Amino acid sequence: MTDPVTRAATLLAEHRSSIDRLDAVLVYTLAERFAHTQAVGKLKAQHTLPASDPDREAKQIARLEQLSKEADLDPEFAKAFLNFIIAEVIQHHEKISNSEA
């Protein structure tokens, strides 16, 4: 029989291992997402489209809010996270647009 402290340490290590794996998934997923948004930024610059698309951004935020509710994730956190990503993407698009101008 395992003592409670040893069992707790084992469970803690298992949770931390899962967290580390999920952090890696998040990083690689964000990298893939940004690769696609960079391609979008280049297309926008080539066709003199604006860096920001407020209609698309609003739809994405609403979509993410719904997904977060389905996933039992705080929708306000999800919106704040997406807003951060959108701001970063817009900044990248503006840099691409200015470098192609």
PDB file of N, CA and C in Angstrom:
ATOM      1  N   MET A   1       0.842  -1.184   0.000  1.00  0.00           N
ATOM      2  CA  MET A   1       0.000   0.000   0.000  1.00  0.00           C
ATOM      3  C   MET A   1       0.886   1.247   0.000  1.00  0.00           C
ATOM      4  N   THR A   2       0.554   2.213  -0.862  1.00  0.00           N
ATOM      5  CA  THR A   2       1.343   3.429  -1.003  1.00  0.00           C
ATOM      6  C   THR A   2       0.860   4.468   0.000  1.00  0.00           C
ATOM      7  N   ASP A   3       1.815   5.170   0.595  1.00  0.00           N
ATOM      8  CA  ASP A   3       1.405   6.210   1.537  1.00  0.00           C
ATOM      9  C   ASP A   3       0.828   7.404   0.771  1.00  0.00           C
ATOM     10  N   PRO A   4      -0.024   8.205   1.400  1.00  0.00           N
ATOM     11  CA  PRO A   4      -0.707   9.316   0.715  1.00  0.00           C
ATOM     12  C   PRO A   4       0.239  10.345   0.111  1.00  0.00           C
ATOM     13  N   VAL A   5       1.356  10.614   0.735  1.00  0.00           N
ATOM     14  CA  VAL A   5       2.297  11.609   0.216  1.00  0.00           C
ATOM     15  C   VAL A   5       2.934  11.107  -1.074  1.00  0.00           C
ATOM     16  N   THR A   6       3.303   9.848  -1.100  1.00  0.00           N
ATOM     17  CA  THR A   6       3.887   9.264  -2.312  1.00  0.00           C
ATOM     18  C   THR A   6       2.851   9.248  -3.433  1.00  0.00           C
ATOM     19  N   ARG A   7       1.629   8.860  -3.097  1.00  0.00           N
ATOM     20  CA  ARG A   7       0.546   8.834  -4.092  1.00  0.00           C
ATOM     21  C   ARG A   7       0.295  10.242  -4.633  1.00  0.00           C
ATOM     22  N   ALA A   8       0.278  11.234  -3.764  1.00  0.00           N
ATOM     23  CA  ALA A   8       0.070  12.621  -4.197  1.00  0.00           C
ATOM     24  C   ALA A   8       1.211  13.071  -5.104  1.00  0.00           C
ATOM     25  N   ALA A   9       2.432  12.700  -4.771  1.00  0.00           N
ATOM     26  CA  ALA A   9       3.586  13.077  -5.598  1.00  0.00           C
ATOM     27  C   ALA A   9       3.487  12.432  -6.977  1.00  0.00           C
ATOM     28  N   THR A  10       3.023  11.181  -7.024  1.00  0.00           N
ATOM     29  CA  THR A  10       2.847  10.490  -8.302  1.00  0.00           C
ATOM     30  C   THR A  10       1.776  11.175  -9.144  1.00  0.00           C
ATOM     31  N   LEU A  11       0.649  11.495  -8.525  1.00  0.00           N
ATOM     32  CA  LEU A  11      -0.428  12.188  -9.242  1.00  0.00           C
ATOM     33  C   LEU A  11       0.023  13.560  -9.732  1.00  0.00           C
ATOM     34  N   LEU A  12       0.762  14.276  -8.902  1.00  0.00           N
ATOM     35  CA  LEU A  12       1.283  15.585  -9.273  1.00  0.00           C
ATOM     36  C   LEU A  12       2.203  15.468 -10.488  1.00  0.00           C
ATOM     37  N   ALA A  13       3.061  14.477 -10.476  1.00  0.00           N
ATOM     38  CA  ALA A  13       3.973  14.266 -11.607  1.00  0.00           C
ATOM     39  C   ALA A  13       3.189  13.934 -12.880  1.00  0.00           C
ATOM     40  N   GLU A  14       2.131  13.142 -12.765  1.00  0.00           N
ATOM     41  CA  GLU A  14       1.305  12.801 -13.924  1.00  0.00           C
ATOM     42  C   GLU A  14       0.614  14.042 -14.489  1.00  0.00           C
ATOM     43  N   HIS A  15       0.053  14.848 -13.607  1.00  0.00           N
ATOM     44  CA  HIS A  15      -0.601  16.093 -14.063  1.00  0.00           C
ATOM     45  C   HIS A  15       0.408  17.020 -14.732  1.00  0.00           C
ATOM     46  N   ARG A  16       1.568  17.153 -14.128  1.00  0.00           N
ATOM     47  CA  ARG A  16       2.589  18.034 -14.701  1.00  0.00           C
ATOM     48  C   ARG A  16       3.074  17.529 -16.057  1.00  0.00           C
ATOM     49  N   SER A  17       3.176  16.231 -16.194  1.00  0.00           N
ATOM     50  CA  SER A  17       3.566  15.665 -17.476  1.00  0.00           C
ATOM     51  C   SER A  17       2.516  15.987 -18.543  1.00  0.00           C
ATOM     52  N   SER A  18       1.247  15.877 -18.188  1.00  0.00           N
ATOM     53  CA  SER A  18       0.171  16.230 -19.122  1.00  0.00           C
ATOM     54  C   SER A  18       0.216  17.711 -19.472  1.00  0.00           C
ATOM     55  N   ILE A  19       0.453  18.545 -18.476  1.00  0.00           N
ATOM     56  CA  ILE A  19       0.544  19.989 -18.707  1.00  0.00           C
ATOM     57  C   ILE A  19       1.697  20.296 -19.664  1.00  0.00           C
ATOM     58  N   ASP A  20       2.842  19.675 -19.454  1.00  0.00           N
ATOM     59  CA  ASP A  20       3.996  19.897 -20.333  1.00  0.00           C
ATOM     60  C   ASP A  20       3.682  19.484 -21.764  1.00  0.00           C
ATOM     61  N   ARG A  21       3.011  18.349 -21.923  1.00  0.00           N
ATOM     62  CA  ARG A  21       2.639  17.869 -23.259  1.00  0.00           C
ATOM     63  C   ARG A  21       1.669  18.847 -23.913  1.00  0.00           C
ATOM     64  N   LEU A  22       0.690  19.314 -23.152  1.00  0.00           N
ATOM     65  CA  LEU A  22      -0.289  20.260 -23.697  1.00  0.00           C
ATOM     66  C   LEU A  22       0.344  21.607 -24.023  1.00  0.00           C
ATOM     67  N   ASP A  23       1.310  22.045 -23.220  1.00  0.00           N
ATOM     68  CA  ASP A  23       2.036  23.278 -23.544  1.00  0.00           C
ATOM     69  C   ASP A  23       2.731  23.146 -24.893  1.00  0.00           C
ATOM     70  N   ALA A  24       3.335  21.992 -25.141  1.00  0.00           N
ATOM     71  CA  ALA A  24       3.993  21.763 -26.431  1.00  0.00           C
ATOM     72  C   ALA A  24       2.971  21.791 -27.562  1.00  0.00           C
ATOM     73  N   VAL A  25       1.825  21.175 -27.347  1.00  0.00           N
ATOM     74  CA  VAL A  25       0.756  21.193 -28.362  1.00  0.00           C
ATOM     75  C   VAL A  25       0.333  22.633 -28.643  1.00  0.00           C
ATOM     76  N   LEU A  26       0.164  23.436 -27.599  1.00  0.00           N
ATOM     77  CA  LEU A  26      -0.224  24.839 -27.776  1.00  0.00           C
ATOM     78  C   LEU A  26       0.814  25.610 -28.580  1.00  0.00           C
ATOM     79  N   VAL A  27       2.077  25.434 -28.250  1.00  0.00           N
ATOM     80  CA  VAL A  27       3.138  26.167 -28.938  1.00  0.00           C
ATOM     81  C   VAL A  27       3.177  25.794 -30.419  1.00  0.00           C
ATOM     82  N   TYR A  28       3.141  24.502 -30.710  1.00  0.00           N
ATOM     83  CA  TYR A  28       3.189  24.073 -32.110  1.00  0.00           C
ATOM     84  C   TYR A  28       1.923  24.469 -32.863  1.00  0.00           C
ATOM     85  N   THR A  29       0.783  24.451 -32.193  1.00  0.00           N
ATOM     86  CA  THR A  29      -0.473  24.879 -32.815  1.00  0.00           C
ATOM     87  C   THR A  29      -0.436  26.373 -33.111  1.00  0.00           C
ATOM     88  N   LEU A  30       0.060  27.157 -32.167  1.00  0.00           N
ATOM     89  CA  LEU A  30       0.187  28.599 -32.413  1.00  0.00           C
ATOM     90  C   LEU A  30       1.166  28.877 -33.549  1.00  0.00           C
ATOM     91  N   ALA A  31       2.256  28.132 -33.608  1.00  0.00           N
ATOM     92  CA  ALA A  31       3.221  28.320 -34.696  1.00  0.00           C
ATOM     93  C   ALA A  31       2.571  28.021 -36.047  1.00  0.00           C
ATOM     94  N   GLU A  32       1.793  26.965 -36.109  1.00  0.00           N
ATOM     95  CA  GLU A  32       1.095  26.634 -37.357  1.00  0.00           C
ATOM     96  C   GLU A  32       0.073  27.706 -37.707  1.00  0.00           C
ATOM     97  N   ARG A  33      -0.646  28.183 -36.700  1.00  0.00           N
ATOM     98  CA  ARG A  33      -1.641  29.236 -36.931  1.00  0.00           C
ATOM     99  C   ARG A  33      -0.968  30.494 -37.474  1.00  0.00           C
ATOM    100  N   PHE A  34       0.156  30.875 -36.870  1.00  0.00           N
ATOM    101  CA  PHE A  34       0.849  32.080 -37.318  1.00  0.00           C
ATOM    102  C   PHE A  34       1.454  31.902 -38.705  1.00  0.00           C
ATOM    103  N   ALA A  35       1.835  30.708 -39.070  1.00  0.00           N
ATOM    104  CA  ALA A  35       2.311  30.475 -40.437  1.00  0.00           C
ATOM    105  C   ALA A  35       1.193  30.781 -41.437  1.00  0.00           C
ATOM    106  N   HIS A  36      -0.016  30.373 -41.106  1.00  0.00           N
ATOM    107  CA  HIS A  36      -1.148  30.656 -41.988  1.00  0.00           C
ATOM    108  C   HIS A  36      -1.507  32.145 -41.990  1.00  0.00           C
ATOM    109  N   THR A  37      -1.451  32.775 -40.820  1.00  0.00           N
ATOM    110  CA  THR A  37      -1.783  34.206 -40.792  1.00  0.00           C
ATOM    111  C   THR A  37      -0.705  35.031 -41.501  1.00  0.00           C
ATOM    112  N   GLN A  38       0.545  34.561 -41.486  1.00  0.00           N
ATOM    113  CA  GLN A  38       1.592  35.247 -42.254  1.00  0.00           C
ATOM    114  C   GLN A  38       1.278  35.169 -43.748  1.00  0.00           C
ATOM    115  N   ALA A  39       0.823  33.992 -44.198  1.00  0.00           N
ATOM    116  CA  ALA A  39       0.450  33.832 -45.610  1.00  0.00           C
ATOM    117  C   ALA A  39      -0.717  34.752 -45.950  1.00  0.00           C
ATOM    118  N   VAL A  40      -1.676  34.864 -45.039  1.00  0.00           N
ATOM    119  CA  VAL A  40      -2.808  35.785 -45.245  1.00  0.00           C
ATOM    120  C   VAL A  40      -2.291  37.222 -45.329  1.00  0.00           C
ATOM    121  N   GLY A  41      -1.371  37.575 -44.450  1.00  0.00           N
ATOM    122  CA  GLY A  41      -0.804  38.923 -44.463  1.00  0.00           C
ATOM    123  C   GLY A  41      -0.124  39.238 -45.790  1.00  0.00           C
ATOM    124  N   LYS A  42       0.601  38.264 -46.345  1.00  0.00           N
ATOM    125  CA  LYS A  42       1.261  38.471 -47.639  1.00  0.00           C
ATOM    126  C   LYS A  42       0.225  38.646 -48.750  1.00  0.00           C
ATOM    127  N   LEU A  43      -0.831  37.837 -48.719  1.00  0.00           N
ATOM    128  CA  LEU A  43      -1.896  37.989 -49.722  1.00  0.00           C
ATOM    129  C   LEU A  43      -2.562  39.357 -49.614  1.00  0.00           C
ATOM    130  N   LYS A  44      -2.833  39.779 -48.388  1.00  0.00           N
ATOM    131  CA  LYS A  44      -3.449  41.092 -48.189  1.00  0.00           C
ATOM    132  C   LYS A  44      -2.538  42.199 -48.726  1.00  0.00           C
ATOM    133  N   ALA A  45      -1.255  42.096 -48.437  1.00  0.00           N
ATOM    134  CA  ALA A  45      -0.313  43.120 -48.903  1.00  0.00           C
ATOM    135  C   ALA A  45      -0.234  43.132 -50.423  1.00  0.00           C
ATOM    136  N   GLN A  46      -0.209  41.968 -51.043  1.00  0.00           N
ATOM    137  CA  GLN A  46      -0.119  41.877 -52.500  1.00  0.00           C
ATOM    138  C   GLN A  46      -1.350  42.469 -53.185  1.00  0.00           C
ATOM    139  N   HIS A  47      -2.478  42.422 -52.503  1.00  0.00           N
ATOM    140  CA  HIS A  47      -3.730  42.901 -53.094  1.00  0.00           C
ATOM    141  C   HIS A  47      -4.235  44.171 -52.416  1.00  0.00           C
ATOM    142  N   THR A  48      -3.341  44.843 -51.706  1.00  0.00           N
ATOM    143  CA  THR A  48      -3.625  46.093 -50.990  1.00  0.00           C
ATOM    144  C   THR A  48      -4.922  46.037 -50.190  1.00  0.00           C
ATOM    145  N   LEU A  49      -5.076  44.952 -49.456  1.00  0.00           N
ATOM    146  CA  LEU A  49      -6.217  44.815 -48.548  1.00  0.00           C
ATOM    147  C   LEU A  49      -5.789  45.291 -47.164  1.00  0.00           C
ATOM    148  N   PRO A  50      -6.723  45.766 -46.354  1.00  0.00           N
ATOM    149  CA  PRO A  50      -6.355  46.248 -45.010  1.00  0.00           C
ATOM    150  C   PRO A  50      -5.846  45.115 -44.120  1.00  0.00           C
ATOM    151  N   ALA A  51      -4.952  45.464 -43.215  1.00  0.00           N
ATOM    152  CA  ALA A  51      -4.379  44.476 -42.291  1.00  0.00           C
ATOM    153  C   ALA A  51      -5.439  43.916 -41.354  1.00  0.00           C
ATOM    154  N   SER A  52      -6.406  44.728 -41.004  1.00  0.00           N
ATOM    155  CA  SER A  52      -7.454  44.329 -40.069  1.00  0.00           C
ATOM    156  C   SER A  52      -8.754  44.057 -40.821  1.00  0.00           C
ATOM    157  N   ASP A  53      -9.500  43.068 -40.355  1.00  0.00           N
ATOM    158  CA  ASP A  53     -10.810  42.735 -40.915  1.00  0.00           C
ATOM    159  C   ASP A  53     -11.783  42.626 -39.746  1.00  0.00           C
ATOM    160  N   PRO A  54     -12.344  43.759 -39.305  1.00  0.00           N
ATOM    161  CA  PRO A  54     -13.189  43.765 -38.105  1.00  0.00           C
ATOM    162  C   PRO A  54     -14.356  42.783 -38.161  1.00  0.00           C
ATOM    163  N   ASP A  55     -14.956  42.592 -39.330  1.00  0.00           N
ATOM    164  CA  ASP A  55     -16.069  41.649 -39.432  1.00  0.00           C
ATOM    165  C   ASP A  55     -15.586  40.230 -39.150  1.00  0.00           C
ATOM    166  N   ARG A  56     -14.486  39.827 -39.766  1.00  0.00           N
ATOM    167  CA  ARG A  56     -13.909  38.500 -39.537  1.00  0.00           C
ATOM    168  C   ARG A  56     -13.510  38.339 -38.076  1.00  0.00           C
ATOM    169  N   GLU A  57     -12.902  39.371 -37.507  1.00  0.00           N
ATOM    170  CA  GLU A  57     -12.460  39.301 -36.117  1.00  0.00           C
ATOM    171  C   GLU A  57     -13.639  39.119 -35.174  1.00  0.00           C
ATOM    172  N   ALA A  58     -14.728  39.852 -35.413  1.00  0.00           N
ATOM    173  CA  ALA A  58     -15.920  39.720 -34.570  1.00  0.00           C
ATOM    174  C   ALA A  58     -16.513  38.315 -34.680  1.00  0.00           C
ATOM    175  N   LYS A  59     -16.543  37.774 -35.899  1.00  0.00           N
ATOM    176  CA  LYS A  59     -17.055  36.413 -36.084  1.00  0.00           C
ATOM    177  C   LYS A  59     -16.167  35.395 -35.367  1.00  0.00           C
ATOM    178  N   GLN A  60     -14.864  35.597 -35.438  1.00  0.00           N
ATOM    179  CA  GLN A  60     -13.939  34.685 -34.771  1.00  0.00           C
ATOM    180  C   GLN A  60     -14.118  34.727 -33.254  1.00  0.00           C
ATOM    181  N   ILE A  61     -14.297  35.922 -32.722  1.00  0.00           N
ATOM    182  CA  ILE A  61     -14.484  36.057 -31.266  1.00  0.00           C
ATOM    183  C   ILE A  61     -15.776  35.369 -30.842  1.00  0.00           C
ATOM    184  N   ALA A  62     -16.859  35.574 -31.602  1.00  0.00           N
ATOM    185  CA  ALA A  62     -18.129  34.917 -31.278  1.00  0.00           C
ATOM    186  C   ALA A  62     -17.987  33.397 -31.381  1.00  0.00           C
ATOM    187  N   ARG A  63     -17.295  32.936 -32.409  1.00  0.00           N
ATOM    188  CA  ARG A  63     -17.078  31.500 -32.596  1.00  0.00           C
ATOM    189  C   ARG A  63     -16.273  30.918 -31.438  1.00  0.00           C
ATOM    190  N   LEU A  64     -15.216  31.613 -31.056  1.00  0.00           N
ATOM    191  CA  LEU A  64     -14.383  31.137 -29.957  1.00  0.00           C
ATOM    192  C   LEU A  64     -15.143  31.162 -28.635  1.00  0.00           C
ATOM    193  N   GLU A  65     -15.986  32.157 -28.464  1.00  0.00           N
ATOM    194  CA  GLU A  65     -16.795  32.230 -27.243  1.00  0.00           C
ATOM    195  C   GLU A  65     -17.702  31.000 -27.153  1.00  0.00           C
ATOM    196  N   GLN A  66     -18.322  30.626 -28.269  1.00  0.00           N
ATOM    197  CA  GLN A  66     -19.181  29.448 -28.281  1.00  0.00           C
ATOM    198  C   GLN A  66     -18.369  28.177 -28.016  1.00  0.00           C
ATOM    199  N   LEU A  67     -17.235  28.058 -28.682  1.00  0.00           N
ATOM    200  CA  LEU A  67     -16.374  26.890 -28.459  1.00  0.00           C
ATOM    201  C   LEU A  67     -15.933  26.794 -27.001  1.00  0.00           C
ATOM    202  N   SER A  68     -15.590  27.925 -26.412  1.00  0.00           N
ATOM    203  CA  SER A  68     -15.121  27.909 -25.026  1.00  0.00           C
ATOM    204  C   SER A  68     -16.237  27.479 -24.080  1.00  0.00           C
ATOM    205  N   LYS A  69     -17.470  27.893 -24.362  1.00  0.00           N
ATOM    206  CA  LYS A  69     -18.595  27.449 -23.528  1.00  0.00           C
ATOM    207  C   LYS A  69     -18.766  25.937 -23.652  1.00  0.00           C
ATOM    208  N   GLU A  70     -18.662  25.427 -24.877  1.00  0.00           N
ATOM    209  CA  GLU A  70     -18.791  23.984 -25.098  1.00  0.00           C
ATOM    210  C   GLU A  70     -17.673  23.217 -24.403  1.00  0.00           C
ATOM    211  N   ALA A  71     -16.502  23.811 -24.333  1.00  0.00           N
ATOM    212  CA  ALA A  71     -15.339  23.163 -23.724  1.00  0.00           C
ATOM    213  C   ALA A  71     -15.233  23.411 -22.223  1.00  0.00           C
ATOM    214  N   ASP A  72     -16.184  24.158 -21.673  1.00  0.00           N
ATOM    215  CA  ASP A  72     -16.174  24.510 -20.251  1.00  0.00           C
ATOM    216  C   ASP A  72     -14.930  25.323 -19.887  1.00  0.00           C
ATOM    217  N   LEU A  73     -14.601  26.265 -20.776  1.00  0.00           N
ATOM    218  CA  LEU A  73     -13.500  27.202 -20.557  1.00  0.00           C
ATOM    219  C   LEU A  73     -14.111  28.593 -20.392  1.00  0.00           C
ATOM    220  N   ASP A  74     -13.588  29.372 -19.499  1.00  0.00           N
ATOM    221  CA  ASP A  74     -14.101  30.718 -19.255  1.00  0.00           C
ATOM    222  C   ASP A  74     -14.113  31.516 -20.557  1.00  0.00           C
ATOM    223  N   PRO A  75     -15.308  31.891 -21.061  1.00  0.00           N
ATOM    224  CA  PRO A  75     -15.388  32.625 -22.326  1.00  0.00           C
ATOM    225  C   PRO A  75     -14.643  33.960 -22.302  1.00  0.00           C
ATOM    226  N   GLU A  76     -14.605  34.620 -21.172  1.00  0.00           N
ATOM    227  CA  GLU A  76     -13.883  35.897 -21.083  1.00  0.00           C
ATOM    228  C   GLU A  76     -12.384  35.683 -21.257  1.00  0.00           C
ATOM    229  N   PHE A  77     -11.871  34.607 -20.685  1.00  0.00           N
ATOM    230  CA  PHE A  77     -10.457  34.274 -20.888  1.00  0.00           C
ATOM    231  C   PHE A  77     -10.200  33.970 -22.354  1.00  0.00           C
ATOM    232  N   ALA A  78     -11.074  33.165 -22.963  1.00  0.00           N
ATOM    233  CA  ALA A  78     -10.914  32.791 -24.367  1.00  0.00           C
ATOM    234  C   ALA A  78     -10.942  34.027 -25.261  1.00  0.00           C
ATOM    235  N   LYS A  79     -11.861  34.960 -24.987  1.00  0.00           N
ATOM    236  CA  LYS A  79     -11.930  36.194 -25.794  1.00  0.00           C
ATOM    237  C   LYS A  79     -10.673  37.034 -25.613  1.00  0.00           C
ATOM    238  N   ALA A  80     -10.201  37.148 -24.383  1.00  0.00           N
ATOM    239  CA  ALA A  80      -8.989  37.925 -24.134  1.00  0.00           C
ATOM    240  C   ALA A  80      -7.801  37.296 -24.849  1.00  0.00           C
ATOM    241  N   PHE A  81      -7.722  35.976 -24.827  1.00  0.00           N
ATOM    242  CA  PHE A  81      -6.642  35.265 -25.496  1.00  0.00           C
ATOM    243  C   PHE A  81      -6.702  35.491 -27.004  1.00  0.00           C
ATOM    244  N   LEU A  82      -7.891  35.358 -27.592  1.00  0.00           N
ATOM    245  CA  LEU A  82      -8.030  35.572 -29.031  1.00  0.00           C
ATOM    246  C   LEU A  82      -7.756  37.029 -29.397  1.00  0.00           C
ATOM    247  N   ASN A  83      -8.214  37.959 -28.580  1.00  0.00           N
ATOM    248  CA  ASN A  83      -7.927  39.374 -28.860  1.00  0.00           C
ATOM    249  C   ASN A  83      -6.423  39.640 -28.871  1.00  0.00           C
ATOM    250  N   PHE A  84      -5.697  38.993 -27.969  1.00  0.00           N
ATOM    251  CA  PHE A  84      -4.246  39.120 -27.951  1.00  0.00           C
ATOM    252  C   PHE A  84      -3.650  38.591 -29.253  1.00  0.00           C
ATOM    253  N   ILE A  85      -4.109  37.421 -29.682  1.00  0.00           N
ATOM    254  CA  ILE A  85      -3.606  36.819 -30.917  1.00  0.00           C
ATOM    255  C   ILE A  85      -3.948  37.698 -32.116  1.00  0.00           C
ATOM    256  N   ILE A  86      -5.186  38.185 -32.174  1.00  0.00           N
ATOM    257  CA  ILE A  86      -5.610  39.046 -33.286  1.00  0.00           C
ATOM    258  C   ILE A  86      -4.741  40.298 -33.353  1.00  0.00           C
ATOM    259  N   ALA A  87      -4.479  40.913 -32.210  1.00  0.00           N
ATOM    260  CA  ALA A  87      -3.639  42.119 -32.190  1.00  0.00           C
ATOM    261  C   ALA A  87      -2.242  41.808 -32.730  1.00  0.00           C
ATOM    262  N   GLU A  88      -1.707  40.658 -32.370  1.00  0.00           N
ATOM    263  CA  GLU A  88      -0.383  40.254 -32.854  1.00  0.00           C
ATOM    264  C   GLU A  88      -0.412  40.014 -34.365  1.00  0.00           C
ATOM    265  N   VAL A  89      -1.457  39.349 -34.838  1.00  0.00           N
ATOM    266  CA  VAL A  89      -1.594  39.073 -36.272  1.00  0.00           C
ATOM    267  C   VAL A  89      -1.692  40.380 -37.059  1.00  0.00           C
ATOM    268  N   ILE A  90      -2.508  41.315 -36.581  1.00  0.00           N
ATOM    269  CA  ILE A  90      -2.656  42.604 -37.261  1.00  0.00           C
ATOM    270  C   ILE A  90      -1.307  43.321 -37.327  1.00  0.00           C
ATOM    271  N   GLN A  91      -0.576  43.276 -36.231  1.00  0.00           N
ATOM    272  CA  GLN A  91       0.752  43.895 -36.206  1.00  0.00           C
ATOM    273  C   GLN A  91       1.654  43.249 -37.258  1.00  0.00           C
ATOM    274  N   HIS A  92       1.612  41.927 -37.378  1.00  0.00           N
ATOM    275  CA  HIS A  92       2.410  41.230 -38.403  1.00  0.00           C
ATOM    276  C   HIS A  92       1.961  41.647 -39.798  1.00  0.00           C
ATOM    277  N   HIS A  93       0.645  41.720 -40.009  1.00  0.00           N
ATOM    278  CA  HIS A  93       0.125  42.107 -41.321  1.00  0.00           C
ATOM    279  C   HIS A  93       0.559  43.525 -41.690  1.00  0.00           C
ATOM    280  N   GLU A  94       0.541  44.420 -40.717  1.00  0.00           N
ATOM    281  CA  GLU A  94       0.975  45.792 -40.985  1.00  0.00           C
ATOM    282  C   GLU A  94       2.456  45.833 -41.353  1.00  0.00           C
ATOM    283  N   LYS A  95       3.271  45.043 -40.663  1.00  0.00           N
ATOM    284  CA  LYS A  95       4.705  44.990 -40.993  1.00  0.00           C
ATOM    285  C   LYS A  95       4.915  44.452 -42.401  1.00  0.00           C
ATOM    286  N   ILE A  96       4.176  43.400 -42.741  1.00  0.00           N
ATOM    287  CA  ILE A  96       4.294  42.824 -44.085  1.00  0.00           C
ATOM    288  C   ILE A  96       3.861  43.846 -45.118  1.00  0.00           C
ATOM    289  N   SER A  97       2.747  44.516 -44.861  1.00  0.00           N
ATOM    290  CA  SER A  97       2.219  45.514 -45.796  1.00  0.00           C
ATOM    291  C   SER A  97       3.224  46.659 -45.990  1.00  0.00           C
ATOM    292  N   ASN A  98       3.822  47.106 -44.900  1.00  0.00           N
ATOM    293  CA  ASN A  98       4.790  48.203 -44.997  1.00  0.00           C
ATOM    294  C   ASN A  98       6.067  47.767 -45.703  1.00  0.00           C
ATOM    295  N   SER A  99       6.452  46.505 -45.559  1.00  0.00           N
ATOM    296  CA  SER A  99       7.677  46.050 -46.216  1.00  0.00           C
ATOM    297  C   SER A  99       7.450  45.797 -47.718  1.00  0.00           C
ATOM    298  N   GLU A 100       6.199  45.554 -48.108  1.00  0.00           N
ATOM    299  CA  GLU A 100       5.889  45.299 -49.515  1.00  0.00           C
ATOM    300  C   GLU A 100       5.486  46.577 -50.232  1.00  0.00           C
ATOM    301  N   ALA A 101       5.319  47.654 -49.475  1.00  0.00           N
ATOM    302  CA  ALA A 101       4.881  48.918 -50.075  1.00  0.00           C
ATOM    303  C   ALA A 101       5.998  49.621 -50.790  1.00  0.00           C
TER     304      ALA A 101
END
